[in-house]
Amino acid sequence: LHYEQDLEKARTMLITSAIFSEMCVVISSRSIKNIWNLEFFSNKFLVFSIILAIALQLTAIYSPLGVVFEFKALALWDMVIVIGSSLITLVVLEAWKFYKK
């Protein structure tokens, strides 16, 4: 309800959260082991792809492309909300893998 009056900001937060959540799914899907038991940089192409996807999303938000996609620049607190909500996906998937064992 807080973003009810600012549709562009709400849209930007939603799409960014979805993209960041998908990156968390990718990280979690690397192995049936928990991510804490894996070396994070063992798959350099995957790490590069994740960094590239995040960089492209941030470029779409904070560059003139934001006008094309009807994005609005997010404040630091908004990005904290987006990242926090995206990390929930990672925590849930890792908890599921832990309890599935």
Protein backbone atom coordinates (compact mmCIF):
# COMPACT_ATOMS: atom_id res chain seq x y z
CA LEU A 1 0.00 0.00 0.00
CA HIS A 2 2.97 2.29 0.54
CA TYR A 3 3.77 2.25 -3.18
CA GLU A 4 0.16 2.60 -4.27
CA GLN A 5 0.71 6.13 -5.54
CA ASP A 6 3.98 5.43 -7.32
CA LEU A 7 3.34 2.71 -9.87
CA GLU A 8 6.74 3.05 -11.59
CA LYS A 9 8.57 2.56 -8.31
CA ALA A 10 6.43 -0.44 -7.40
CA ARG A 11 6.98 -1.96 -10.85
CA THR A 12 10.73 -1.40 -10.59
CA MET A 13 10.89 -3.01 -7.17
CA LEU A 14 8.80 -5.99 -8.28
CA ILE A 15 10.81 -6.75 -11.40
CA THR A 16 14.13 -6.23 -9.62
CA SER A 17 13.02 -8.48 -6.79
CA ALA A 18 11.97 -11.17 -9.27
CA ILE A 19 15.32 -11.00 -11.07
CA PHE A 20 17.31 -11.10 -7.83
CA SER A 21 15.14 -13.97 -6.58
CA GLU A 22 15.89 -15.92 -9.76
CA MET A 23 19.61 -15.36 -9.15
CA CYS A 24 19.10 -16.86 -5.69
CA VAL A 25 17.37 -19.85 -7.29
CA VAL A 26 20.33 -20.27 -9.64
CA ILE A 27 22.77 -20.16 -6.72
CA SER A 28 20.73 -22.69 -4.76
CA SER A 29 20.21 -25.00 -7.73
CA ARG A 30 23.93 -25.50 -8.34
CA SER A 31 23.99 -28.62 -6.20
CA ILE A 32 21.91 -30.76 -3.89
CA LYS A 33 24.38 -29.78 -1.18
CA ASN A 34 23.82 -26.61 0.81
CA ILE A 35 25.60 -23.57 -0.58
CA TRP A 36 27.66 -23.31 2.61
CA ASN A 37 29.30 -26.63 1.74
CA LEU A 38 30.35 -25.49 -1.74
CA GLU A 39 33.08 -23.23 -2.97
CA PHE A 40 31.22 -20.22 -4.37
CA PHE A 41 33.70 -19.43 -7.15
CA SER A 42 34.13 -23.00 -8.37
CA ASN A 43 31.89 -22.26 -11.37
CA LYS A 44 33.29 -19.03 -12.76
CA PHE A 45 30.85 -18.87 -15.67
CA LEU A 46 27.90 -19.04 -13.32
CA VAL A 47 29.31 -16.32 -11.08
CA PHE A 48 29.99 -14.16 -14.12
CA SER A 49 26.44 -14.71 -15.41
CA ILE A 50 24.91 -13.74 -12.06
CA ILE A 51 27.04 -10.61 -11.83
CA LEU A 52 26.16 -9.73 -15.42
CA ALA A 53 22.42 -10.20 -14.83
CA ILE A 54 22.51 -7.99 -11.74
CA ALA A 55 24.62 -5.37 -13.52
CA LEU A 56 22.23 -5.31 -16.47
CA GLN A 57 19.24 -4.86 -14.17
CA LEU A 58 20.94 -2.03 -12.30
CA THR A 59 21.89 -0.45 -15.64
CA ALA A 60 18.27 -0.65 -16.76
CA ILE A 61 17.19 1.11 -13.59
CA TYR A 62 19.83 3.81 -13.20
CA SER A 63 20.60 4.68 -16.83
CA PRO A 64 18.50 6.41 -19.49
CA LEU A 65 17.08 2.96 -20.30
CA GLY A 66 14.91 3.42 -17.21
CA VAL A 67 12.71 5.74 -19.24
CA VAL A 68 12.24 3.09 -21.93
CA PHE A 69 11.31 0.40 -19.40
CA GLU A 70 9.35 2.88 -17.27
CA PHE A 71 11.59 2.19 -14.28
CA LYS A 72 12.23 4.62 -11.48
CA ALA A 73 15.53 4.92 -9.62
CA LEU A 74 15.35 3.15 -6.28
CA ALA A 75 16.63 4.63 -3.06
CA LEU A 76 19.02 2.70 -0.84
CA TRP A 77 16.22 1.60 1.50
CA ASP A 78 14.18 0.33 -1.46
CA MET A 79 17.14 -1.75 -2.63
CA VAL A 80 17.53 -3.15 0.90
CA ILE A 81 13.88 -4.25 0.76
CA VAL A 82 14.39 -5.82 -2.69
CA ILE A 83 17.54 -7.69 -1.67
CA GLY A 84 16.01 -8.80 1.62
CA SER A 85 12.89 -10.14 -0.05
CA SER A 86 15.01 -11.91 -2.66
CA LEU A 87 17.19 -13.57 -0.03
CA ILE A 88 14.05 -15.15 1.45
CA THR A 89 14.00 -17.33 -1.67
CA LEU A 90 17.54 -18.51 -1.01
CA VAL A 91 16.86 -19.21 2.66
CA VAL A 92 13.70 -21.21 1.88
CA LEU A 93 15.41 -23.29 -0.81
CA GLU A 94 18.43 -24.02 1.37
CA ALA A 95 16.20 -24.92 4.34
CA TRP A 96 14.25 -27.27 2.07
CA LYS A 97 17.48 -28.97 0.97
CA PHE A 98 18.61 -29.25 4.59
CA TYR A 99 15.36 -30.84 5.78
CA LYS A 100 15.11 -33.09 2.74
CA LYS A 101 18.31 -34.88 3.75
